[in-house]
Amino acid sequence: MFQFLKNWFRGKDTEELRSVDEIKQDLSQESVTSPEAEGDLTYVSAEEVKVKTALSLHPVWEQQLDTEKKYTLRFLQEDLPAMHEGTIGVIGFSLIPGEDGITVALFVRNATPNQLKIENVGLTIVLDGKPFARQKLNLSDVGNIPPMSSRPWEVFFPRETFLSDNFAFKSWKVMLNLGTKTTYIWPHNLDIDPAMEARMTDKQKAHLERLAHKLPGLKYNMTEITGFDIGKTKEGHLAIGLLIRNARDTVYSPEKLRIEVRDAHDDLIAKGSVDASKVVVKPGTTKPWLVVFPADIIKKPDASLDKWKLIATDK
């Protein structure tokens, strides 16, 4: 358990301990979920209470780590972001590839008022927004994590858990999934219509790919239509860019889409039924689509488009 941790405290090819500031640079993004949701990822509003956590070492770590290493972990933990009260999460602080797999050091975090013990859980290593390795494992050895605490731990991902052989990455994180009730799917892969792609620049395609990665996950068997851009043509038509996301395991092909566009005052800008017979969205993908409302059916031609919302349904 401790060989990796000891190496992590030291710099590459040296026996000298790294500074705390150097170690802090290893922190990855945080993954948070709600234990009451039994596996449902929870997106929490900013108005809810946030709390800080304290370091909690496993008794074996407490016994075997020296004072300097404990201080480093405590300092690192204090720099972690506050958590929404009532949630649990993980945040990685080191990722080291080896011949047989990858070892991840992470904090298991408990922002609930109760002791936390995690048994069956899913962990995913995400590199540059794309799943790289995934496994289910039993984390009961982590022990009982006190309320409002973060406990450091090590997890090994053997090569058979890898989903890709590409190790090049700029950012990484560890995702937590309690996985007992609802599966969430991230339709990250873009499925661009060839005719649309022929008119797009590489910069535009890269922008759409970033948007597809930023959107939250969908529950299994759901679809979602999100507006990402809006503007008026020289003729006064209203053009709207859509991202149609498919979390089903079958193709999504609606016959029609009913669309409303409203401004910041909730005033109706345009409303209509659109022929969607050519829209074919493959399972687990996101398809960009363009909808144009003719000038003569726009209800509020002088509406500000700085803030707007889209309501779209295939019903």
C-alpha atoms as a PDB file:
ATOM      1  CA  MET A   1       0.000   0.000   0.000  1.00  0.00           C
ATOM      2  CA  PHE A   2       2.703   2.499   0.961  1.00  0.00           C
ATOM      3  CA  GLN A   3       5.358   2.015  -1.721  1.00  0.00           C
ATOM      4  CA  PHE A   4       3.447   4.177  -4.167  1.00  0.00           C
ATOM      5  CA  LEU A   5       2.674   6.838  -1.568  1.00  0.00           C
ATOM      6  CA  LYS A   6       6.320   7.048  -0.491  1.00  0.00           C
ATOM      7  CA  ASN A   7       7.400   7.495  -4.102  1.00  0.00           C
ATOM      8  CA  TRP A   8       4.760  10.151  -4.645  1.00  0.00           C
ATOM      9  CA  PHE A   9       6.117  12.296  -1.809  1.00  0.00           C
ATOM     10  CA  ARG A  10       9.515  12.377  -3.522  1.00  0.00           C
ATOM     11  CA  GLY A  11      10.512  14.015  -6.785  1.00  0.00           C
ATOM     12  CA  LYS A  12      11.373  12.023  -9.885  1.00  0.00           C
ATOM     13  CA  ASP A  13      14.768  10.288  -9.701  1.00  0.00           C
ATOM     14  CA  THR A  14      15.549  11.846  -6.317  1.00  0.00           C
ATOM     15  CA  GLU A  15      15.237  11.017  -2.646  1.00  0.00           C
ATOM     16  CA  GLU A  16      14.333  14.589  -1.706  1.00  0.00           C
ATOM     17  CA  LEU A  17      10.767  15.294  -0.630  1.00  0.00           C
ATOM     18  CA  ARG A  18       8.760  17.553  -2.919  1.00  0.00           C
ATOM     19  CA  SER A  19       7.368  20.839  -1.605  1.00  0.00           C
ATOM     20  CA  VAL A  20       3.699  21.078  -0.693  1.00  0.00           C
ATOM     21  CA  ASP A  21       3.100  23.525  -3.555  1.00  0.00           C
ATOM     22  CA  GLU A  22       4.556  21.005  -6.031  1.00  0.00           C
ATOM     23  CA  ILE A  23       2.365  18.245  -4.637  1.00  0.00           C
ATOM     24  CA  LYS A  24      -0.764  20.432  -4.797  1.00  0.00           C
ATOM     25  CA  GLN A  25      -0.328  20.652  -8.583  1.00  0.00           C
ATOM     26  CA  ASP A  26      -1.211  16.946  -8.817  1.00  0.00           C
ATOM     27  CA  LEU A  27      -4.785  17.475  -7.597  1.00  0.00           C
ATOM     28  CA  SER A  28      -7.385  16.412 -10.149  1.00  0.00           C
ATOM     29  CA  GLN A  29     -11.000  17.524 -10.532  1.00  0.00           C
ATOM     30  CA  GLU A  30     -13.519  16.344  -7.945  1.00  0.00           C
ATOM     31  CA  SER A  31     -16.356  13.858  -8.472  1.00  0.00           C
ATOM     32  CA  VAL A  32     -19.320  14.210  -6.108  1.00  0.00           C
ATOM     33  CA  THR A  33     -22.495  12.191  -5.575  1.00  0.00           C
ATOM     34  CA  SER A  34     -25.255  11.797  -3.034  1.00  0.00           C
ATOM     35  CA  PRO A  35     -25.408   8.614  -0.926  1.00  0.00           C
ATOM     36  CA  GLU A  36     -29.193   8.920  -0.592  1.00  0.00           C
ATOM     37  CA  ALA A  37     -29.559   8.821  -4.365  1.00  0.00           C
ATOM     38  CA  GLU A  38     -28.261   5.230  -4.503  1.00  0.00           C
ATOM     39  CA  GLY A  39     -26.045   5.916  -7.470  1.00  0.00           C
ATOM     40  CA  ASP A  40     -27.849   8.888  -9.012  1.00  0.00           C
ATOM     41  CA  LEU A  41     -25.467  11.740  -9.728  1.00  0.00           C
ATOM     42  CA  THR A  42     -26.807  14.860  -8.048  1.00  0.00           C
ATOM     43  CA  TYR A  43     -26.400  18.368  -9.431  1.00  0.00           C
ATOM     44  CA  VAL A  44     -26.713  20.721  -6.463  1.00  0.00           C
ATOM     45  CA  SER A  45     -27.726  24.393  -6.635  1.00  0.00           C
ATOM     46  CA  ALA A  46     -25.288  27.026  -5.433  1.00  0.00           C
ATOM     47  CA  GLU A  47     -27.653  28.106  -2.656  1.00  0.00           C
ATOM     48  CA  GLU A  48     -27.175  24.906  -0.678  1.00  0.00           C
ATOM     49  CA  VAL A  49     -24.809  24.729   2.299  1.00  0.00           C
ATOM     50  CA  LYS A  50     -21.126  24.047   1.642  1.00  0.00           C
ATOM     51  CA  VAL A  51     -18.797  22.545   4.238  1.00  0.00           C
ATOM     52  CA  LYS A  52     -15.054  21.974   4.626  1.00  0.00           C
ATOM     53  CA  THR A  53     -13.632  18.559   5.485  1.00  0.00           C
ATOM     54  CA  ALA A  54     -10.847  17.505   7.846  1.00  0.00           C
ATOM     55  CA  LEU A  55      -8.144  14.892   7.266  1.00  0.00           C
ATOM     56  CA  SER A  56      -8.936  11.374   8.475  1.00  0.00           C
ATOM     57  CA  LEU A  57      -6.147   8.815   8.221  1.00  0.00           C
ATOM     58  CA  HIS A  58      -6.742   5.076   8.273  1.00  0.00           C
ATOM     59  CA  PRO A  59      -5.289   3.623  11.531  1.00  0.00           C
ATOM     60  CA  VAL A  60      -2.549   1.806   9.573  1.00  0.00           C
ATOM     61  CA  TRP A  61      -1.587   4.990   7.739  1.00  0.00           C
ATOM     62  CA  GLU A  62      -1.672   6.884  11.023  1.00  0.00           C
ATOM     63  CA  GLN A  63       0.782   4.377  12.476  1.00  0.00           C
ATOM     64  CA  GLN A  64       3.205   4.067   9.555  1.00  0.00           C
ATOM     65  CA  LEU A  65       3.417   7.568   8.064  1.00  0.00           C
ATOM     66  CA  ASP A  66       5.946   9.924   9.617  1.00  0.00           C
ATOM     67  CA  THR A  67       5.100  13.420  10.847  1.00  0.00           C
ATOM     68  CA  GLU A  68       6.248  15.189   7.672  1.00  0.00           C
ATOM     69  CA  LYS A  69       4.102  13.040   5.362  1.00  0.00           C
ATOM     70  CA  LYS A  70       1.077  13.484   7.625  1.00  0.00           C
ATOM     71  CA  TYR A  71       1.624  17.230   7.554  1.00  0.00           C
ATOM     72  CA  THR A  72       1.780  17.197   3.746  1.00  0.00           C
ATOM     73  CA  LEU A  73      -1.473  15.233   3.458  1.00  0.00           C
ATOM     74  CA  ARG A  74      -3.155  17.511   5.998  1.00  0.00           C
ATOM     75  CA  PHE A  75      -2.004  20.620   4.136  1.00  0.00           C
ATOM     76  CA  LEU A  76      -3.149  19.146   0.819  1.00  0.00           C
ATOM     77  CA  GLN A  77      -6.559  18.200   2.254  1.00  0.00           C
ATOM     78  CA  GLU A  78      -7.088  21.691   3.640  1.00  0.00           C
ATOM     79  CA  ASP A  79      -6.680  23.039   0.108  1.00  0.00           C
ATOM     80  CA  LEU A  80      -9.503  20.866  -1.264  1.00  0.00           C
ATOM     81  CA  PRO A  81     -12.705  22.649  -2.352  1.00  0.00           C
ATOM     82  CA  ALA A  82     -15.667  22.867  -0.001  1.00  0.00           C
ATOM     83  CA  MET A  83     -18.388  20.251  -0.526  1.00  0.00           C
ATOM     84  CA  HIS A  84     -22.159  20.496  -0.600  1.00  0.00           C
ATOM     85  CA  GLU A  85     -23.458  19.218   2.713  1.00  0.00           C
ATOM     86  CA  GLY A  86     -24.940  15.729   2.445  1.00  0.00           C
ATOM     87  CA  THR A  87     -22.749  14.565  -0.447  1.00  0.00           C
ATOM     88  CA  ILE A  88     -19.801  12.210  -0.772  1.00  0.00           C
ATOM     89  CA  GLY A  89     -17.068  12.320  -3.402  1.00  0.00           C
ATOM     90  CA  VAL A  90     -13.566  11.494  -4.560  1.00  0.00           C
ATOM     91  CA  ILE A  91     -10.731  13.675  -5.791  1.00  0.00           C
ATOM     92  CA  GLY A  92      -7.479  12.268  -7.130  1.00  0.00           C
ATOM     93  CA  PHE A  93      -4.125  13.710  -6.152  1.00  0.00           C
ATOM     94  CA  SER A  94      -1.706  11.480  -8.070  1.00  0.00           C
ATOM     95  CA  LEU A  95      -1.780   9.158 -11.068  1.00  0.00           C
ATOM     96  CA  ILE A  96       1.238   6.974 -11.826  1.00  0.00           C
ATOM     97  CA  PRO A  97       1.356   4.548 -14.813  1.00  0.00           C
ATOM     98  CA  GLY A  98       3.237   1.268 -14.354  1.00  0.00           C
ATOM     99  CA  GLU A  99       3.957  -1.825 -16.425  1.00  0.00           C
ATOM    100  CA  ASP A 100       0.889  -3.683 -15.125  1.00  0.00           C
ATOM    101  CA  GLY A 101      -1.539  -0.786 -14.782  1.00  0.00           C
ATOM    102  CA  ILE A 102      -2.097   2.599 -13.165  1.00  0.00           C
ATOM    103  CA  THR A 103      -2.138   3.502  -9.476  1.00  0.00           C
ATOM    104  CA  VAL A 104      -4.306   6.397  -8.363  1.00  0.00           C
ATOM    105  CA  ALA A 105      -4.020   8.143  -5.017  1.00  0.00           C
ATOM    106  CA  LEU A 106      -7.234   9.871  -4.037  1.00  0.00           C
ATOM    107  CA  PHE A 107      -9.213  11.362  -1.183  1.00  0.00           C
ATOM    108  CA  VAL A 108     -12.517   9.654  -0.354  1.00  0.00           C
ATOM    109  CA  ARG A 109     -14.640  12.519   0.992  1.00  0.00           C
ATOM    110  CA  ASN A 110     -17.618  12.474   3.355  1.00  0.00           C
ATOM    111  CA  ALA A 111     -19.676  15.659   3.781  1.00  0.00           C
ATOM    112  CA  THR A 112     -22.551  13.910   5.558  1.00  0.00           C
ATOM    113  CA  PRO A 113     -23.333  13.988   9.309  1.00  0.00           C
ATOM    114  CA  ASN A 114     -22.829  10.208   9.508  1.00  0.00           C
ATOM    115  CA  GLN A 115     -19.890   7.808   9.332  1.00  0.00           C
ATOM    116  CA  LEU A 116     -19.313   6.568   5.805  1.00  0.00           C
ATOM    117  CA  LYS A 117     -18.368   3.052   4.746  1.00  0.00           C
ATOM    118  CA  ILE A 118     -18.176   2.282   1.025  1.00  0.00           C
ATOM    119  CA  GLU A 119     -18.269  -1.286  -0.213  1.00  0.00           C
ATOM    120  CA  ASN A 120     -19.303  -1.902  -3.819  1.00  0.00           C
ATOM    121  CA  VAL A 121     -18.463   1.128  -5.940  1.00  0.00           C
ATOM    122  CA  GLY A 122     -17.504   2.037  -9.484  1.00  0.00           C
ATOM    123  CA  LEU A 123     -14.449   4.173 -10.217  1.00  0.00           C
ATOM    124  CA  THR A 124     -13.504   5.598 -13.601  1.00  0.00           C
ATOM    125  CA  ILE A 125     -10.303   7.355 -14.630  1.00  0.00           C
ATOM    126  CA  VAL A 126     -11.177  10.156 -17.059  1.00  0.00           C
ATOM    127  CA  LEU A 127      -8.426  11.632 -19.242  1.00  0.00           C
ATOM    128  CA  ASP A 128      -9.207  14.903 -21.052  1.00  0.00           C
ATOM    129  CA  GLY A 129     -12.938  14.324 -20.538  1.00  0.00           C
ATOM    130  CA  LYS A 130     -12.940  10.762 -21.934  1.00  0.00           C
ATOM    131  CA  PRO A 131     -13.200   7.518 -19.897  1.00  0.00           C
ATOM    132  CA  PHE A 132      -9.843   5.739 -19.888  1.00  0.00           C
ATOM    133  CA  ALA A 133     -10.183   2.965 -17.288  1.00  0.00           C
ATOM    134  CA  ARG A 134     -13.140   1.669 -15.321  1.00  0.00           C
ATOM    135  CA  GLN A 135     -13.653  -0.927 -12.622  1.00  0.00           C
ATOM    136  CA  LYS A 136     -15.971  -2.013  -9.834  1.00  0.00           C
ATOM    137  CA  LEU A 137     -14.345  -2.753  -6.509  1.00  0.00           C
ATOM    138  CA  ASN A 138     -14.909  -3.098  -2.786  1.00  0.00           C
ATOM    139  CA  LEU A 139     -13.556  -0.181  -0.760  1.00  0.00           C
ATOM    140  CA  SER A 140     -14.458  -1.584   2.642  1.00  0.00           C
ATOM    141  CA  ASP A 141     -10.727  -1.628   3.526  1.00  0.00           C
ATOM    142  CA  VAL A 142     -10.850   2.164   3.595  1.00  0.00           C
ATOM    143  CA  GLY A 143     -12.746   1.765   6.868  1.00  0.00           C
ATOM    144  CA  ASN A 144     -15.298   4.077   8.445  1.00  0.00           C
ATOM    145  CA  ILE A 145     -14.762   7.681   7.382  1.00  0.00           C
ATOM    146  CA  PRO A 146     -15.936  10.149  10.057  1.00  0.00           C
ATOM    147  CA  PRO A 147     -18.455  12.901   9.228  1.00  0.00           C
ATOM    148  CA  MET A 148     -17.058  15.911   7.356  1.00  0.00           C
ATOM    149  CA  SER A 149     -13.768  14.146   6.638  1.00  0.00           C
ATOM    150  CA  SER A 150     -11.521  13.175   3.714  1.00  0.00           C
ATOM    151  CA  ARG A 151      -9.464   9.981   3.808  1.00  0.00           C
ATOM    152  CA  PRO A 152      -6.489   9.367   1.457  1.00  0.00           C
ATOM    153  CA  TRP A 153      -6.315   5.972  -0.242  1.00  0.00           C
ATOM    154  CA  GLU A 154      -4.686   4.132  -3.151  1.00  0.00           C
ATOM    155  CA  VAL A 155      -6.497   2.253  -5.930  1.00  0.00           C
ATOM    156  CA  PHE A 156      -4.793   0.135  -8.587  1.00  0.00           C
ATOM    157  CA  PHE A 157      -6.301  -0.123 -12.083  1.00  0.00           C
ATOM    158  CA  PRO A 158      -4.875  -3.216 -13.856  1.00  0.00           C
ATOM    159  CA  ARG A 159      -4.452  -3.116 -17.635  1.00  0.00           C
ATOM    160  CA  GLU A 160      -7.575  -5.210 -18.190  1.00  0.00           C
ATOM    161  CA  THR A 161      -9.644  -2.282 -16.878  1.00  0.00           C
ATOM    162  CA  PHE A 162      -8.276   0.064 -19.586  1.00  0.00           C
ATOM    163  CA  LEU A 163     -10.703   1.262 -22.263  1.00  0.00           C
ATOM    164  CA  SER A 164      -7.904   2.732 -24.399  1.00  0.00           C
ATOM    165  CA  ASP A 165      -4.144   2.435 -24.884  1.00  0.00           C
ATOM    166  CA  ASN A 166      -3.607   6.202 -25.233  1.00  0.00           C
ATOM    167  CA  PHE A 167      -1.741   7.648 -22.233  1.00  0.00           C
ATOM    168  CA  ALA A 168      -1.342  11.208 -23.576  1.00  0.00           C
ATOM    169  CA  PHE A 169      -3.472  13.645 -21.585  1.00  0.00           C
ATOM    170  CA  LYS A 170      -3.555  17.192 -20.225  1.00  0.00           C
ATOM    171  CA  SER A 171      -6.133  16.784 -17.458  1.00  0.00           C
ATOM    172  CA  TRP A 172      -7.522  13.881 -15.457  1.00  0.00           C
ATOM    173  CA  LYS A 173      -9.989  13.028 -12.732  1.00  0.00           C
ATOM    174  CA  VAL A 174     -11.511  10.041 -10.969  1.00  0.00           C
ATOM    175  CA  MET A 175     -15.277   9.577 -11.225  1.00  0.00           C
ATOM    176  CA  LEU A 176     -17.300   7.914  -8.465  1.00  0.00           C
ATOM    177  CA  ASN A 177     -20.454   5.915  -9.175  1.00  0.00           C
ATOM    178  CA  LEU A 178     -22.286   4.075  -6.393  1.00  0.00           C
ATOM    179  CA  GLY A 179     -24.094   2.366  -9.246  1.00  0.00           C
ATOM    180  CA  THR A 180     -26.977   0.706  -7.423  1.00  0.00           C
ATOM    181  CA  LYS A 181     -29.960   2.387  -9.008  1.00  0.00           C
ATOM    182  CA  THR A 182     -29.631   4.620 -12.069  1.00  0.00           C
ATOM    183  CA  THR A 183     -26.995   4.610 -14.778  1.00  0.00           C
ATOM    184  CA  TYR A 184     -25.962   7.958 -16.227  1.00  0.00           C
ATOM    185  CA  ILE A 185     -24.608   8.270 -19.734  1.00  0.00           C
ATOM    186  CA  TRP A 186     -22.498  11.074 -21.193  1.00  0.00           C
ATOM    187  CA  PRO A 187     -23.168  11.261 -24.970  1.00  0.00           C
ATOM    188  CA  HIS A 188     -19.795  12.909 -25.628  1.00  0.00           C
ATOM    189  CA  ASN A 189     -19.178  11.636 -29.156  1.00  0.00           C
ATOM    190  CA  LEU A 190     -20.319  14.048 -31.857  1.00  0.00           C
ATOM    191  CA  ASP A 191     -22.289  12.650 -34.777  1.00  0.00           C
ATOM    192  CA  ILE A 192     -22.213  15.516 -37.294  1.00  0.00           C
ATOM    193  CA  ASP A 193     -24.324  15.347 -40.435  1.00  0.00           C
ATOM    194  CA  PRO A 194     -21.917  15.188 -43.429  1.00  0.00           C
ATOM    195  CA  ALA A 195     -23.552  18.146 -45.184  1.00  0.00           C
ATOM    196  CA  MET A 196     -23.235  20.269 -42.031  1.00  0.00           C
ATOM    197  CA  GLU A 197     -19.668  19.122 -41.386  1.00  0.00           C
ATOM    198  CA  ALA A 198     -18.638  20.174 -44.898  1.00  0.00           C
ATOM    199  CA  ARG A 199     -19.616  23.766 -44.052  1.00  0.00           C
ATOM    200  CA  MET A 200     -17.882  23.829 -40.650  1.00  0.00           C
ATOM    201  CA  THR A 201     -14.358  24.913 -39.783  1.00  0.00           C
ATOM    202  CA  ASP A 202     -12.112  22.875 -37.491  1.00  0.00           C
ATOM    203  CA  LYS A 203     -12.541  25.594 -34.856  1.00  0.00           C
ATOM    204  CA  GLN A 204     -16.344  25.260 -35.000  1.00  0.00           C
ATOM    205  CA  LYS A 205     -16.137  21.475 -34.680  1.00  0.00           C
ATOM    206  CA  ALA A 206     -13.771  21.777 -31.716  1.00  0.00           C
ATOM    207  CA  HIS A 207     -16.187  24.226 -30.072  1.00  0.00           C
ATOM    208  CA  LEU A 208     -19.072  21.765 -30.436  1.00  0.00           C
ATOM    209  CA  GLU A 209     -16.960  18.942 -29.022  1.00  0.00           C
ATOM    210  CA  ARG A 210     -16.153  21.043 -25.942  1.00  0.00           C
ATOM    211  CA  LEU A 211     -19.855  21.799 -25.476  1.00  0.00           C
ATOM    212  CA  ALA A 212     -20.763  18.100 -25.702  1.00  0.00           C
ATOM    213  CA  HIS A 213     -18.232  17.295 -22.963  1.00  0.00           C
ATOM    214  CA  LYS A 214     -19.416  20.055 -20.627  1.00  0.00           C
ATOM    215  CA  LEU A 215     -23.077  19.026 -20.512  1.00  0.00           C
ATOM    216  CA  PRO A 216     -24.167  16.852 -17.546  1.00  0.00           C
ATOM    217  CA  GLY A 217     -24.958  13.168 -17.899  1.00  0.00           C
ATOM    218  CA  LEU A 218     -28.366  11.871 -18.918  1.00  0.00           C
ATOM    219  CA  LYS A 219     -30.302   9.086 -17.287  1.00  0.00           C
ATOM    220  CA  TYR A 220     -30.312   5.896 -19.304  1.00  0.00           C
ATOM    221  CA  ASN A 221     -32.937   5.778 -22.079  1.00  0.00           C
ATOM    222  CA  MET A 222     -33.372   9.574 -22.119  1.00  0.00           C
ATOM    223  CA  THR A 223     -32.903  12.105 -24.887  1.00  0.00           C
ATOM    224  CA  GLU A 224     -32.342  15.836 -24.510  1.00  0.00           C
ATOM    225  CA  ILE A 225     -32.328  18.812 -26.870  1.00  0.00           C
ATOM    226  CA  THR A 226     -30.177  21.769 -25.855  1.00  0.00           C
ATOM    227  CA  GLY A 227     -29.840  25.103 -27.619  1.00  0.00           C
ATOM    228  CA  PHE A 228     -26.243  26.293 -27.947  1.00  0.00           C
ATOM    229  CA  ASP A 229     -26.391  29.259 -30.343  1.00  0.00           C
ATOM    230  CA  ILE A 230     -28.890  31.752 -31.777  1.00  0.00           C
ATOM    231  CA  GLY A 231     -28.792  34.579 -34.293  1.00  0.00           C
ATOM    232  CA  LYS A 232     -30.620  36.430 -37.064  1.00  0.00           C
ATOM    233  CA  THR A 233     -29.886  36.233 -40.775  1.00  0.00           C
ATOM    234  CA  LYS A 234     -29.789  39.236 -43.134  1.00  0.00           C
ATOM    235  CA  GLU A 235     -33.335  38.339 -44.187  1.00  0.00           C
ATOM    236  CA  GLY A 236     -34.577  38.485 -40.589  1.00  0.00           C
ATOM    237  CA  HIS A 237     -34.857  34.729 -40.110  1.00  0.00           C
ATOM    238  CA  LEU A 238     -34.056  33.282 -36.691  1.00  0.00           C
ATOM    239  CA  ALA A 239     -31.391  30.539 -36.751  1.00  0.00           C
ATOM    240  CA  ILE A 240     -30.943  28.257 -33.730  1.00  0.00           C
ATOM    241  CA  GLY A 241     -28.192  25.704 -33.133  1.00  0.00           C
ATOM    242  CA  LEU A 242     -29.299  22.546 -31.314  1.00  0.00           C
ATOM    243  CA  LEU A 243     -27.464  19.663 -29.685  1.00  0.00           C
ATOM    244  CA  ILE A 244     -29.629  16.528 -29.739  1.00  0.00           C
ATOM    245  CA  ARG A 245     -28.309  14.062 -27.146  1.00  0.00           C
ATOM    246  CA  ASN A 246     -29.183  10.356 -27.094  1.00  0.00           C
ATOM    247  CA  ALA A 247     -28.659   8.204 -23.976  1.00  0.00           C
ATOM    248  CA  ARG A 248     -30.681   5.309 -25.385  1.00  0.00           C
ATOM    249  CA  ASP A 249     -29.204   2.078 -26.684  1.00  0.00           C
ATOM    250  CA  THR A 250     -31.225   2.526 -29.886  1.00  0.00           C
ATOM    251  CA  VAL A 251     -31.237   5.172 -32.622  1.00  0.00           C
ATOM    252  CA  TYR A 252     -33.262   8.313 -31.850  1.00  0.00           C
ATOM    253  CA  SER A 253     -35.174   9.536 -34.912  1.00  0.00           C
ATOM    254  CA  PRO A 254     -38.113  11.866 -34.153  1.00  0.00           C
ATOM    255  CA  GLU A 255     -40.602  12.688 -36.881  1.00  0.00           C
ATOM    256  CA  LYS A 256     -41.179  16.254 -35.667  1.00  0.00           C
ATOM    257  CA  LEU A 257     -39.747  18.629 -33.086  1.00  0.00           C
ATOM    258  CA  ARG A 258     -41.911  21.257 -31.412  1.00  0.00           C
ATOM    259  CA  ILE A 259     -39.756  24.207 -30.474  1.00  0.00           C
ATOM    260  CA  GLU A 260     -40.283  27.391 -28.452  1.00  0.00           C
ATOM    261  CA  VAL A 261     -37.725  30.150 -27.990  1.00  0.00           C
ATOM    262  CA  ARG A 262     -38.211  32.670 -25.171  1.00  0.00           C
ATOM    263  CA  ASP A 263     -36.216  35.681 -24.047  1.00  0.00           C
ATOM    264  CA  ALA A 264     -34.993  36.681 -20.585  1.00  0.00           C
ATOM    265  CA  HIS A 265     -38.456  38.054 -19.737  1.00  0.00           C
ATOM    266  CA  ASP A 266     -40.050  34.729 -20.732  1.00  0.00           C
ATOM    267  CA  ASP A 267     -41.686  36.440 -23.724  1.00  0.00           C
ATOM    268  CA  LEU A 268     -42.253  34.191 -26.720  1.00  0.00           C
ATOM    269  CA  ILE A 269     -39.846  34.942 -29.568  1.00  0.00           C
ATOM    270  CA  ALA A 270     -40.776  32.099 -31.910  1.00  0.00           C
ATOM    271  CA  LYS A 271     -42.725  28.856 -31.825  1.00  0.00           C
ATOM    272  CA  GLY A 272     -43.291  26.124 -34.365  1.00  0.00           C
ATOM    273  CA  SER A 273     -43.218  22.506 -35.456  1.00  0.00           C
ATOM    274  CA  VAL A 274     -40.120  21.384 -37.371  1.00  0.00           C
ATOM    275  CA  ASP A 275     -39.757  18.431 -39.734  1.00  0.00           C
ATOM    276  CA  ALA A 276     -37.149  16.168 -38.087  1.00  0.00           C
ATOM    277  CA  SER A 277     -37.481  13.160 -40.380  1.00  0.00           C
ATOM    278  CA  LYS A 278     -33.818  13.487 -41.417  1.00  0.00           C
ATOM    279  CA  VAL A 279     -32.566  13.610 -37.825  1.00  0.00           C
ATOM    280  CA  VAL A 280     -30.903  10.306 -36.907  1.00  0.00           C
ATOM    281  CA  VAL A 281     -28.971  10.266 -33.625  1.00  0.00           C
ATOM    282  CA  LYS A 282     -26.934   7.145 -32.925  1.00  0.00           C
ATOM    283  CA  PRO A 283     -26.902   5.598 -29.408  1.00  0.00           C
ATOM    284  CA  GLY A 284     -24.676   7.427 -26.953  1.00  0.00           C
ATOM    285  CA  THR A 285     -23.950  10.338 -29.312  1.00  0.00           C
ATOM    286  CA  THR A 286     -24.744  14.037 -29.678  1.00  0.00           C
ATOM    287  CA  LYS A 287     -25.875  15.437 -33.026  1.00  0.00           C
ATOM    288  CA  PRO A 288     -25.719  19.172 -33.801  1.00  0.00           C
ATOM    289  CA  TRP A 289     -28.667  20.445 -35.836  1.00  0.00           C
ATOM    290  CA  LEU A 290     -29.741  23.820 -37.240  1.00  0.00           C
ATOM    291  CA  VAL A 291     -33.318  25.111 -37.144  1.00  0.00           C
ATOM    292  CA  VAL A 292     -34.443  28.277 -38.955  1.00  0.00           C
ATOM    293  CA  PHE A 293     -37.672  30.172 -38.228  1.00  0.00           C
ATOM    294  CA  PRO A 294     -38.856  32.392 -41.140  1.00  0.00           C
ATOM    295  CA  ALA A 295     -39.126  36.090 -40.356  1.00  0.00           C
ATOM    296  CA  ASP A 296     -42.906  36.149 -40.816  1.00  0.00           C
ATOM    297  CA  ILE A 297     -43.598  33.776 -37.898  1.00  0.00           C
ATOM    298  CA  ILE A 298     -41.311  35.480 -35.356  1.00  0.00           C
ATOM    299  CA  LYS A 299     -43.508  36.855 -32.574  1.00  0.00           C
ATOM    300  CA  LYS A 300     -41.003  39.332 -31.086  1.00  0.00           C
ATOM    301  CA  PRO A 301     -38.605  40.550 -33.797  1.00  0.00           C
ATOM    302  CA  ASP A 302     -36.928  43.123 -31.512  1.00  0.00           C
ATOM    303  CA  ALA A 303     -36.197  40.627 -28.688  1.00  0.00           C
ATOM    304  CA  SER A 304     -32.743  40.708 -27.146  1.00  0.00           C
ATOM    305  CA  LEU A 305     -30.899  37.435 -27.778  1.00  0.00           C
ATOM    306  CA  ASP A 306     -28.289  37.968 -25.065  1.00  0.00           C
ATOM    307  CA  LYS A 307     -30.248  35.639 -22.775  1.00  0.00           C
ATOM    308  CA  TRP A 308     -32.683  33.086 -24.129  1.00  0.00           C
ATOM    309  CA  LYS A 309     -34.039  29.630 -23.485  1.00  0.00           C
ATOM    310  CA  LEU A 310     -35.169  26.768 -25.649  1.00  0.00           C
ATOM    311  CA  ILE A 311     -38.092  24.435 -25.024  1.00  0.00           C
ATOM    312  CA  ALA A 312     -38.028  21.449 -27.362  1.00  0.00           C
ATOM    313  CA  THR A 313     -40.005  18.218 -27.420  1.00  0.00           C
ATOM    314  CA  ASP A 314     -40.849  15.458 -29.865  1.00  0.00           C
ATOM    315  CA  LYS A 315     -44.341  14.952 -28.359  1.00  0.00           C
END
